[in-house]
Each structure stands twice: as structure tokens, then as C-alpha cells.
Amino acid sequence: MSVIDVFHAAADTAVNLAGVIPDPDPVQPPGTEGVTIILSWLKWIGYVVVVGGAIIVGGILIAVSFRRGEGHDALPKILWPMAGAIVIGGGAALVGILAGA
């Protein structure tokens, strides 16, 4: 029996077991509704911080940097708040994908 035959046998066994193993839908435990509220508040606070950072960095810092002739230093500073917004917005979707919801 070759290594490939072993892999094929393992794959066939896994396919057969996939129909036997239960896959229940995720259900929130009772009494944990407060966790959802806290997560929504944290997401809202994160967006406020990101928008505030974008306004401060984008509006004020870039204007001052260009006036001083240091405009090339301002671009990375505005990309970090944008990256933060992507992480905050994608956090729930990422967890949903990983959890299989």
C-alpha cells in the first residue's frame, strides 16, 4: 500500500464521517445579552475614534505638513486610521466566517 493509497483511504473515511458528525448552529447562551451590547458599544467607540483620528490626521496634520514641506510624511499617518476602520468593520464578519455562521 503506497502513501497515496493511505491518503485516499483517509479522505474517504473523513467524507464518510462528515455525515455522522453533528454540526449544530451557534446559539447565544441565555443571560449573555449584555455581551452583545458591550461589543456594539465598543464597535461604535472604535468608529468614533477612527473618524476623529481621520479628521485630526487628515485635516489638520496633512495641512500643516504640506505647509512645512513635509507632505510625504503625512500619507502613512492617514493610512493607519483607515486600516483601523477596516479592522473594526471587518471584525464581526471575520468572526462570522471563522465560526461558520
PDB file of N, CA and C in Angstrom:
ATOM      1  N   MET A   1       0.858  -1.177   0.000  1.00  0.00           N
ATOM      2  CA  MET A   1       0.000   0.000   0.000  1.00  0.00           C
ATOM      3  C   MET A   1       0.899   1.234   0.000  1.00  0.00           C
ATOM      4  N   SER A   2       0.675   2.109  -0.956  1.00  0.00           N
ATOM      5  CA  SER A   2       1.517   3.301  -1.068  1.00  0.00           C
ATOM      6  C   SER A   2       0.966   4.433  -0.194  1.00  0.00           C
ATOM      7  N   VAL A   3       1.749   5.481  -0.092  1.00  0.00           N
ATOM      8  CA  VAL A   3       1.352   6.650   0.704  1.00  0.00           C
ATOM      9  C   VAL A   3       0.092   7.288   0.122  1.00  0.00           C
ATOM     10  N   ILE A   4      -0.012   7.318  -1.191  1.00  0.00           N
ATOM     11  CA  ILE A   4      -1.187   7.913  -1.842  1.00  0.00           C
ATOM     12  C   ILE A   4      -2.440   7.113  -1.505  1.00  0.00           C
ATOM     13  N   ASP A   5      -2.300   5.785  -1.467  1.00  0.00           N
ATOM     14  CA  ASP A   5      -3.452   4.958  -1.093  1.00  0.00           C
ATOM     15  C   ASP A   5      -3.901   5.244   0.335  1.00  0.00           C
ATOM     16  N   VAL A   6      -2.951   5.480   1.226  1.00  0.00           N
ATOM     17  CA  VAL A   6      -3.279   5.818   2.615  1.00  0.00           C
ATOM     18  C   VAL A   6      -4.026   7.144   2.671  1.00  0.00           C
ATOM     19  N   PHE A   7      -3.560   8.131   1.896  1.00  0.00           N
ATOM     20  CA  PHE A   7      -4.239   9.427   1.870  1.00  0.00           C
ATOM     21  C   PHE A   7      -5.655   9.305   1.300  1.00  0.00           C
ATOM     22  N   HIS A   8      -5.811   8.510   0.247  1.00  0.00           N
ATOM     23  CA  HIS A   8      -7.141   8.299  -0.325  1.00  0.00           C
ATOM     24  C   HIS A   8      -8.069   7.619   0.677  1.00  0.00           C
ATOM     25  N   ALA A   9      -7.551   6.638   1.398  1.00  0.00           N
ATOM     26  CA  ALA A   9      -8.362   5.951   2.403  1.00  0.00           C
ATOM     27  C   ALA A   9      -8.758   6.900   3.522  1.00  0.00           C
ATOM     28  N   ALA A  10      -7.815   7.757   3.941  1.00  0.00           N
ATOM     29  CA  ALA A  10      -8.122   8.735   4.993  1.00  0.00           C
ATOM     30  C   ALA A  10      -9.163   9.738   4.504  1.00  0.00           C
ATOM     31  N   ALA A  11      -9.054  10.179   3.266  1.00  0.00           N
ATOM     32  CA  ALA A  11     -10.023  11.127   2.715  1.00  0.00           C
ATOM     33  C   ALA A  11     -11.404  10.496   2.617  1.00  0.00           C
ATOM     34  N   ASP A  12     -11.466   9.231   2.188  1.00  0.00           N
ATOM     35  CA  ASP A  12     -12.758   8.539   2.111  1.00  0.00           C
ATOM     36  C   ASP A  12     -13.385   8.390   3.491  1.00  0.00           C
ATOM     37  N   THR A  13     -12.557   8.089   4.488  1.00  0.00           N
ATOM     38  CA  THR A  13     -13.064   7.958   5.855  1.00  0.00           C
ATOM     39  C   THR A  13     -13.580   9.297   6.355  1.00  0.00           C
ATOM     40  N   ALA A  14     -12.864  10.370   6.068  1.00  0.00           N
ATOM     41  CA  ALA A  14     -13.296  11.701   6.502  1.00  0.00           C
ATOM     42  C   ALA A  14     -14.613  12.086   5.847  1.00  0.00           C
ATOM     43  N   VAL A  15     -14.781  11.759   4.572  1.00  0.00           N
ATOM     44  CA  VAL A  15     -16.034  12.068   3.880  1.00  0.00           C
ATOM     45  C   VAL A  15     -17.178  11.269   4.486  1.00  0.00           C
ATOM     46  N   ASN A  16     -16.943  10.021   4.808  1.00  0.00           N
ATOM     47  CA  ASN A  16     -17.984   9.196   5.415  1.00  0.00           C
ATOM     48  C   ASN A  16     -18.340   9.685   6.815  1.00  0.00           C
ATOM     49  N   LEU A  17     -17.343  10.147   7.578  1.00  0.00           N
ATOM     50  CA  LEU A  17     -17.604  10.633   8.931  1.00  0.00           C
ATOM     51  C   LEU A  17     -18.278  11.998   8.942  1.00  0.00           C
ATOM     52  N   ALA A  18     -18.123  12.761   7.866  1.00  0.00           N
ATOM     53  CA  ALA A  18     -18.702  14.103   7.817  1.00  0.00           C
ATOM     54  C   ALA A  18     -20.209  14.063   7.939  1.00  0.00           C
ATOM     55  N   GLY A  19     -20.840  13.019   7.428  1.00  0.00           N
ATOM     56  CA  GLY A  19     -22.283  12.894   7.544  1.00  0.00           C
ATOM     57  C   GLY A  19     -22.715  12.441   8.926  1.00  0.00           C
ATOM     58  N   VAL A  20     -21.814  11.870   9.721  1.00  0.00           N
ATOM     59  CA  VAL A  20     -22.138  11.345  11.044  1.00  0.00           C
ATOM     60  C   VAL A  20     -21.935  12.398  12.126  1.00  0.00           C
ATOM     61  N   ILE A  21     -20.930  13.239  11.968  1.00  0.00           N
ATOM     62  CA  ILE A  21     -20.590  14.238  12.982  1.00  0.00           C
ATOM     63  C   ILE A  21     -21.629  15.356  12.950  1.00  0.00           C
ATOM     64  N   PRO A  22     -22.264  15.670  14.091  1.00  0.00           N
ATOM     65  CA  PRO A  22     -23.268  16.750  14.093  1.00  0.00           C
ATOM     66  C   PRO A  22     -22.609  18.119  13.925  1.00  0.00           C
ATOM     67  N   ASP A  23     -23.317  19.025  13.282  1.00  0.00           N
ATOM     68  CA  ASP A  23     -22.841  20.391  13.069  1.00  0.00           C
ATOM     69  C   ASP A  23     -23.953  21.355  13.463  1.00  0.00           C
ATOM     70  N   PRO A  24     -24.115  21.606  14.773  1.00  0.00           N
ATOM     71  CA  PRO A  24     -25.214  22.473  15.216  1.00  0.00           C
ATOM     72  C   PRO A  24     -24.935  23.941  14.898  1.00  0.00           C
ATOM     73  N   ASP A  25     -26.019  24.713  14.754  1.00  0.00           N
ATOM     74  CA  ASP A  25     -25.894  26.150  14.551  1.00  0.00           C
ATOM     75  C   ASP A  25     -25.494  26.813  15.861  1.00  0.00           C
ATOM     76  N   PRO A  26     -24.697  27.901  15.790  1.00  0.00           N
ATOM     77  CA  PRO A  26     -24.317  28.592  17.021  1.00  0.00           C
ATOM     78  C   PRO A  26     -25.534  29.273  17.655  1.00  0.00           C
ATOM     79  N   VAL A  27     -25.656  29.141  18.965  1.00  0.00           N
ATOM     80  CA  VAL A  27     -26.758  29.738  19.713  1.00  0.00           C
ATOM     81  C   VAL A  27     -26.161  30.497  20.896  1.00  0.00           C
ATOM     82  N   GLN A  28     -26.625  31.719  21.089  1.00  0.00           N
ATOM     83  CA  GLN A  28     -26.131  32.530  22.200  1.00  0.00           C
ATOM     84  C   GLN A  28     -26.667  31.964  23.515  1.00  0.00           C
ATOM     85  N   PRO A  29     -25.784  31.738  24.501  1.00  0.00           N
ATOM     86  CA  PRO A  29     -26.245  31.217  25.787  1.00  0.00           C
ATOM     87  C   PRO A  29     -27.173  32.211  26.478  1.00  0.00           C
ATOM     88  N   PRO A  30     -28.145  31.715  27.235  1.00  0.00           N
ATOM     89  CA  PRO A  30     -29.051  32.617  27.941  1.00  0.00           C
ATOM     90  C   PRO A  30     -28.299  33.454  28.975  1.00  0.00           C
ATOM     91  N   GLY A  31     -28.713  34.697  29.098  1.00  0.00           N
ATOM     92  CA  GLY A  31     -28.101  35.592  30.076  1.00  0.00           C
ATOM     93  C   GLY A  31     -26.862  36.314  29.581  1.00  0.00           C
ATOM     94  N   THR A  32     -26.513  36.164  28.311  1.00  0.00           N
ATOM     95  CA  THR A  32     -25.315  36.827  27.788  1.00  0.00           C
ATOM     96  C   THR A  32     -25.659  37.952  26.825  1.00  0.00           C
ATOM     97  N   GLU A  33     -26.871  38.492  26.925  1.00  0.00           N
ATOM     98  CA  GLU A  33     -27.268  39.580  26.030  1.00  0.00           C
ATOM     99  C   GLU A  33     -26.416  40.826  26.274  1.00  0.00           C
ATOM    100  N   GLY A  34     -25.921  40.994  27.500  1.00  0.00           N
ATOM    101  CA  GLY A  34     -25.086  42.150  27.816  1.00  0.00           C
ATOM    102  C   GLY A  34     -23.781  42.161  27.041  1.00  0.00           C
ATOM    103  N   VAL A  35     -23.269  40.973  26.708  1.00  0.00           N
ATOM    104  CA  VAL A  35     -22.027  40.897  25.936  1.00  0.00           C
ATOM    105  C   VAL A  35     -22.235  41.510  24.553  1.00  0.00           C
ATOM    106  N   THR A  36     -23.370  41.238  23.946  1.00  0.00           N
ATOM    107  CA  THR A  36     -23.675  41.806  22.635  1.00  0.00           C
ATOM    108  C   THR A  36     -23.752  43.323  22.702  1.00  0.00           C
ATOM    109  N   ILE A  37     -24.355  43.835  23.762  1.00  0.00           N
ATOM    110  CA  ILE A  37     -24.449  45.292  23.938  1.00  0.00           C
ATOM    111  C   ILE A  37     -23.063  45.892  24.105  1.00  0.00           C
ATOM    112  N   ILE A  38     -22.226  45.265  24.917  1.00  0.00           N
ATOM    113  CA  ILE A  38     -20.866  45.781  25.134  1.00  0.00           C
ATOM    114  C   ILE A  38     -20.080  45.760  23.826  1.00  0.00           C
ATOM    115  N   LEU A  39     -20.203  44.690  23.047  1.00  0.00           N
ATOM    116  CA  LEU A  39     -19.493  44.625  21.762  1.00  0.00           C
ATOM    117  C   LEU A  39     -19.980  45.703  20.799  1.00  0.00           C
ATOM    118  N   SER A  40     -21.280  45.967  20.782  1.00  0.00           N
ATOM    119  CA  SER A  40     -21.782  47.021  19.895  1.00  0.00           C
ATOM    120  C   SER A  40     -21.286  48.388  20.346  1.00  0.00           C
ATOM    121  N   TRP A  41     -21.221  48.605  21.658  1.00  0.00           N
ATOM    122  CA  TRP A  41     -20.682  49.879  22.157  1.00  0.00           C
ATOM    123  C   TRP A  41     -19.199  50.017  21.799  1.00  0.00           C
ATOM    124  N   LEU A  42     -18.429  48.948  21.947  1.00  0.00           N
ATOM    125  CA  LEU A  42     -17.007  49.010  21.597  1.00  0.00           C
ATOM    126  C   LEU A  42     -16.810  49.292  20.114  1.00  0.00           C
ATOM    127  N   LYS A  43     -17.648  48.687  19.282  1.00  0.00           N
ATOM    128  CA  LYS A  43     -17.559  48.947  17.841  1.00  0.00           C
ATOM    129  C   LYS A  43     -17.878  50.408  17.548  1.00  0.00           C
ATOM    130  N   TRP A  44     -18.908  50.951  18.191  1.00  0.00           N
ATOM    131  CA  TRP A  44     -19.276  52.351  17.987  1.00  0.00           C
ATOM    132  C   TRP A  44     -18.148  53.269  18.451  1.00  0.00           C
ATOM    133  N   ILE A  45     -17.584  52.990  19.623  1.00  0.00           N
ATOM    134  CA  ILE A  45     -16.469  53.802  20.139  1.00  0.00           C
ATOM    135  C   ILE A  45     -15.281  53.721  19.188  1.00  0.00           C
ATOM    136  N   GLY A  46     -15.017  52.522  18.660  1.00  0.00           N
ATOM    137  CA  GLY A  46     -13.915  52.367  17.704  1.00  0.00           C
ATOM    138  C   GLY A  46     -14.115  53.213  16.468  1.00  0.00           C
ATOM    139  N   TYR A  47     -15.345  53.231  15.944  1.00  0.00           N
ATOM    140  CA  TYR A  47     -15.620  54.073  14.776  1.00  0.00           C
ATOM    141  C   TYR A  47     -15.449  55.552  15.097  1.00  0.00           C
ATOM    142  N   VAL A  48     -15.887  55.978  16.273  1.00  0.00           N
ATOM    143  CA  VAL A  48     -15.730  57.387  16.656  1.00  0.00           C
ATOM    144  C   VAL A  48     -14.253  57.750  16.729  1.00  0.00           C
ATOM    145  N   VAL A  49     -13.454  56.870  17.311  1.00  0.00           N
ATOM    146  CA  VAL A  49     -12.016  57.138  17.412  1.00  0.00           C
ATOM    147  C   VAL A  49     -11.381  57.189  16.025  1.00  0.00           C
ATOM    148  N   VAL A  50     -11.764  56.272  15.149  1.00  0.00           N
ATOM    149  CA  VAL A  50     -11.203  56.253  13.796  1.00  0.00           C
ATOM    150  C   VAL A  50     -11.593  57.508  13.025  1.00  0.00           C
ATOM    151  N   VAL A  51     -12.858  57.896  13.103  1.00  0.00           N
ATOM    152  CA  VAL A  51     -13.296  59.099  12.386  1.00  0.00           C
ATOM    153  C   VAL A  51     -12.610  60.332  12.961  1.00  0.00           C
ATOM    154  N   GLY A  52     -12.528  60.398  14.282  1.00  0.00           N
ATOM    155  CA  GLY A  52     -11.818  61.521  14.903  1.00  0.00           C
ATOM    156  C   GLY A  52     -10.358  61.561  14.489  1.00  0.00           C
ATOM    157  N   GLY A  53      -9.731  60.384  14.460  1.00  0.00           N
ATOM    158  CA  GLY A  53      -8.332  60.327  14.016  1.00  0.00           C
ATOM    159  C   GLY A  53      -8.171  60.736  12.569  1.00  0.00           C
ATOM    160  N   ALA A  54      -9.110  60.327  11.724  1.00  0.00           N
ATOM    161  CA  ALA A  54      -9.029  60.705  10.311  1.00  0.00           C
ATOM    162  C   ALA A  54      -9.204  62.206  10.132  1.00  0.00           C
ATOM    163  N   ILE A  55     -10.101  62.797  10.925  1.00  0.00           N
ATOM    164  CA  ILE A  55     -10.299  64.250  10.832  1.00  0.00           C
ATOM    165  C   ILE A  55      -9.057  64.982  11.314  1.00  0.00           C
ATOM    166  N   ILE A  56      -8.541  64.549  12.450  1.00  0.00           N
ATOM    167  CA  ILE A  56      -7.357  65.223  13.001  1.00  0.00           C
ATOM    168  C   ILE A  56      -6.161  65.022  12.090  1.00  0.00           C
ATOM    169  N   VAL A  57      -5.909  63.777  11.717  1.00  0.00           N
ATOM    170  CA  VAL A  57      -4.742  63.493  10.881  1.00  0.00           C
ATOM    171  C   VAL A  57      -4.954  64.029   9.475  1.00  0.00           C
ATOM    172  N   GLY A  58      -6.125  63.714   8.911  1.00  0.00           N
ATOM    173  CA  GLY A  58      -6.374  64.108   7.529  1.00  0.00           C
ATOM    174  C   GLY A  58      -6.484  65.599   7.338  1.00  0.00           C
ATOM    175  N   GLY A  59      -7.201  66.256   8.213  1.00  0.00           N
ATOM    176  CA  GLY A  59      -7.431  67.685   8.029  1.00  0.00           C
ATOM    177  C   GLY A  59      -6.313  68.554   8.539  1.00  0.00           C
ATOM    178  N   ILE A  60      -5.969  68.367   9.764  1.00  0.00           N
ATOM    179  CA  ILE A  60      -5.040  69.284  10.412  1.00  0.00           C
ATOM    180  C   ILE A  60      -3.586  68.929  10.120  1.00  0.00           C
ATOM    181  N   LEU A  61      -3.214  67.671  10.386  1.00  0.00           N
ATOM    182  CA  LEU A  61      -1.813  67.288  10.265  1.00  0.00           C
ATOM    183  C   LEU A  61      -1.312  67.376   8.825  1.00  0.00           C
ATOM    184  N   ILE A  62      -2.122  66.933   7.882  1.00  0.00           N
ATOM    185  CA  ILE A  62      -1.686  66.991   6.488  1.00  0.00           C
ATOM    186  C   ILE A  62      -1.560  68.434   6.023  1.00  0.00           C
ATOM    187  N   ALA A  63      -2.513  69.282   6.420  1.00  0.00           N
ATOM    188  CA  ALA A  63      -2.427  70.698   6.032  1.00  0.00           C
ATOM    189  C   ALA A  63      -1.163  71.342   6.588  1.00  0.00           C
ATOM    190  N   VAL A  64      -0.865  71.067   7.844  1.00  0.00           N
ATOM    191  CA  VAL A  64       0.347  71.637   8.462  1.00  0.00           C
ATOM    192  C   VAL A  64       1.596  71.048   7.817  1.00  0.00           C
ATOM    193  N   SER A  65       1.569  69.730   7.526  1.00  0.00           N
ATOM    194  CA  SER A  65       2.743  69.087   6.928  1.00  0.00           C
ATOM    195  C   SER A  65       3.038  69.641   5.538  1.00  0.00           C
ATOM    196  N   PHE A  66       1.994  69.829   4.726  1.00  0.00           N
ATOM    197  CA  PHE A  66       2.216  70.374   3.392  1.00  0.00           C
ATOM    198  C   PHE A  66       2.707  71.809   3.463  1.00  0.00           C
ATOM    199  N   ARG A  67       2.233  72.551   4.429  1.00  0.00           N
ATOM    200  CA  ARG A  67       2.682  73.935   4.567  1.00  0.00           C
ATOM    201  C   ARG A  67       4.169  73.983   4.913  1.00  0.00           C
ATOM    202  N   ARG A  68       4.628  73.037   5.707  1.00  0.00           N
ATOM    203  CA  ARG A  68       6.039  72.979   6.085  1.00  0.00           C
ATOM    204  C   ARG A  68       6.895  72.296   5.030  1.00  0.00           C
ATOM    205  N   GLY A  69       6.256  71.686   4.022  1.00  0.00           N
ATOM    206  CA  GLY A  69       7.013  70.965   3.001  1.00  0.00           C
ATOM    207  C   GLY A  69       7.296  69.526   3.387  1.00  0.00           C
ATOM    208  N   GLU A  70       6.563  69.006   4.344  1.00  0.00           N
ATOM    209  CA  GLU A  70       6.758  67.618   4.797  1.00  0.00           C
ATOM    210  C   GLU A  70       5.547  66.764   4.444  1.00  0.00           C
ATOM    211  N   GLY A  71       4.961  66.988   3.300  1.00  0.00           N
ATOM    212  CA  GLY A  71       3.741  66.294   2.908  1.00  0.00           C
ATOM    213  C   GLY A  71       3.911  64.794   2.745  1.00  0.00           C
ATOM    214  N   HIS A  72       5.094  64.357   2.362  1.00  0.00           N
ATOM    215  CA  HIS A  72       5.316  62.927   2.166  1.00  0.00           C
ATOM    216  C   HIS A  72       5.241  62.147   3.481  1.00  0.00           C
ATOM    217  N   ASP A  73       5.428  62.803   4.620  1.00  0.00           N
ATOM    218  CA  ASP A  73       5.340  62.131   5.918  1.00  0.00           C
ATOM    219  C   ASP A  73       3.889  61.960   6.372  1.00  0.00           C
ATOM    220  N   ALA A  74       2.966  62.681   5.765  1.00  0.00           N
ATOM    221  CA  ALA A  74       1.584  62.671   6.231  1.00  0.00           C
ATOM    222  C   ALA A  74       0.797  61.462   5.725  1.00  0.00           C
ATOM    223  N   LEU A  75       1.146  60.935   4.567  1.00  0.00           N
ATOM    224  CA  LEU A  75       0.365  59.839   3.994  1.00  0.00           C
ATOM    225  C   LEU A  75       0.315  58.602   4.886  1.00  0.00           C
ATOM    226  N   PRO A  76       1.435  58.109   5.415  1.00  0.00           N
ATOM    227  CA  PRO A  76       1.342  56.939   6.296  1.00  0.00           C
ATOM    228  C   PRO A  76       0.507  57.203   7.552  1.00  0.00           C
ATOM    229  N   LYS A  77       0.468  58.439   7.999  1.00  0.00           N
ATOM    230  CA  LYS A  77      -0.289  58.766   9.208  1.00  0.00           C
ATOM    231  C   LYS A  77      -1.791  58.703   8.985  1.00  0.00           C
ATOM    232  N   ILE A  78      -2.238  58.923   7.762  1.00  0.00           N
ATOM    233  CA  ILE A  78      -3.674  58.806   7.500  1.00  0.00           C
ATOM    234  C   ILE A  78      -4.059  57.372   7.125  1.00  0.00           C
ATOM    235  N   LEU A  79      -3.105  56.580   6.695  1.00  0.00           N
ATOM    236  CA  LEU A  79      -3.415  55.193   6.353  1.00  0.00           C
ATOM    237  C   LEU A  79      -3.697  54.346   7.586  1.00  0.00           C
ATOM    238  N   TRP A  80      -3.088  54.659   8.722  1.00  0.00           N
ATOM    239  CA  TRP A  80      -3.316  53.871   9.941  1.00  0.00           C
ATOM    240  C   TRP A  80      -4.751  53.979  10.436  1.00  0.00           C
ATOM    241  N   PRO A  81      -5.361  55.178  10.512  1.00  0.00           N
ATOM    242  CA  PRO A  81      -6.790  55.202  10.884  1.00  0.00           C
ATOM    243  C   PRO A  81      -7.679  54.464   9.887  1.00  0.00           C
ATOM    244  N   MET A  82      -7.338  54.530   8.594  1.00  0.00           N
ATOM    245  CA  MET A  82      -8.119  53.790   7.609  1.00  0.00           C
ATOM    246  C   MET A  82      -7.988  52.283   7.832  1.00  0.00           C
ATOM    247  N   ALA A  83      -6.793  51.833   8.144  1.00  0.00           N
ATOM    248  CA  ALA A  83      -6.594  50.413   8.441  1.00  0.00           C
ATOM    249  C   ALA A  83      -7.367  50.020   9.692  1.00  0.00           C
ATOM    250  N   GLY A  84      -7.411  50.913  10.676  1.00  0.00           N
ATOM    251  CA  GLY A  84      -8.199  50.649  11.876  1.00  0.00           C
ATOM    252  C   GLY A  84      -9.674  50.497  11.571  1.00  0.00           C
ATOM    253  N   ALA A  85     -10.194  51.328  10.682  1.00  0.00           N
ATOM    254  CA  ALA A  85     -11.603  51.225  10.297  1.00  0.00           C
ATOM    255  C   ALA A  85     -11.884  49.901   9.600  1.00  0.00           C
ATOM    256  N   ILE A  86     -10.954  49.453   8.788  1.00  0.00           N
ATOM    257  CA  ILE A  86     -11.122  48.172   8.103  1.00  0.00           C
ATOM    258  C   ILE A  86     -11.135  47.027   9.108  1.00  0.00           C
ATOM    259  N   VAL A  87     -10.239  47.076  10.087  1.00  0.00           N
ATOM    260  CA  VAL A  87     -10.183  46.015  11.100  1.00  0.00           C
ATOM    261  C   VAL A  87     -11.445  46.015  11.951  1.00  0.00           C
ATOM    262  N   ILE A  88     -11.908  47.195  12.366  1.00  0.00           N
ATOM    263  CA  ILE A  88     -13.114  47.277  13.190  1.00  0.00           C
ATOM    264  C   ILE A  88     -14.328  46.800  12.406  1.00  0.00           C
ATOM    265  N   GLY A  89     -14.468  47.268  11.182  1.00  0.00           N
ATOM    266  CA  GLY A  89     -15.622  46.882  10.370  1.00  0.00           C
ATOM    267  C   GLY A  89     -15.601  45.428   9.977  1.00  0.00           C
ATOM    268  N   GLY A  90     -14.430  44.908   9.729  1.00  0.00           N
ATOM    269  CA  GLY A  90     -14.315  43.516   9.308  1.00  0.00           C
ATOM    270  C   GLY A  90     -14.250  42.529  10.447  1.00  0.00           C
ATOM    271  N   GLY A  91     -14.136  43.015  11.668  1.00  0.00           N
ATOM    272  CA  GLY A  91     -14.015  42.112  12.817  1.00  0.00           C
ATOM    273  C   GLY A  91     -15.199  41.180  12.960  1.00  0.00           C
ATOM    274  N   ALA A  92     -16.391  41.720  12.915  1.00  0.00           N
ATOM    275  CA  ALA A  92     -17.593  40.890  13.059  1.00  0.00           C
ATOM    276  C   ALA A  92     -17.723  39.919  11.893  1.00  0.00           C
ATOM    277  N   ALA A  93     -17.449  40.386  10.699  1.00  0.00           N
ATOM    278  CA  ALA A  93     -17.536  39.495   9.532  1.00  0.00           C
ATOM    279  C   ALA A  93     -16.483  38.389   9.610  1.00  0.00           C
ATOM    280  N   LEU A  94     -15.282  38.722  10.057  1.00  0.00           N
ATOM    281  CA  LEU A  94     -14.224  37.738  10.175  1.00  0.00           C
ATOM    282  C   LEU A  94     -14.577  36.658  11.193  1.00  0.00           C
ATOM    283  N   VAL A  95     -15.115  37.066  12.331  1.00  0.00           N
ATOM    284  CA  VAL A  95     -15.521  36.095  13.345  1.00  0.00           C
ATOM    285  C   VAL A  95     -16.659  35.232  12.809  1.00  0.00           C
ATOM    286  N   GLY A  96     -17.585  35.830  12.076  1.00  0.00           N
ATOM    287  CA  GLY A  96     -18.670  35.063  11.487  1.00  0.00           C
ATOM    288  C   GLY A  96     -18.176  34.029  10.502  1.00  0.00           C
ATOM    289  N   ILE A  97     -17.186  34.398   9.718  1.00  0.00           N
ATOM    290  CA  ILE A  97     -16.629  33.454   8.741  1.00  0.00           C
ATOM    291  C   ILE A  97     -15.907  32.322   9.464  1.00  0.00           C
ATOM    292  N   LEU A  98     -15.082  32.675  10.453  1.00  0.00           N
ATOM    293  CA  LEU A  98     -14.326  31.656  11.174  1.00  0.00           C
ATOM    294  C   LEU A  98     -15.229  30.745  11.998  1.00  0.00           C
ATOM    295  N   ALA A  99     -16.312  31.291  12.519  1.00  0.00           N
ATOM    296  CA  ALA A  99     -17.237  30.485  13.324  1.00  0.00           C
ATOM    297  C   ALA A  99     -18.175  29.671  12.459  1.00  0.00           C
ATOM    298  N   GLY A 100     -18.222  29.978  11.182  1.00  0.00           N
ATOM    299  CA  GLY A 100     -19.089  29.236  10.281  1.00  0.00           C
ATOM    300  C   GLY A 100     -20.536  29.658  10.313  1.00  0.00           C
ATOM    301  N   ALA A 101     -20.776  30.888  10.789  1.00  0.00           N
ATOM    302  CA  ALA A 101     -22.167  31.370  10.876  1.00  0.00           C
ATOM    303  C   ALA A 101     -22.646  31.882   9.544  1.00  0.00           C
TER     304      ALA A 101
END
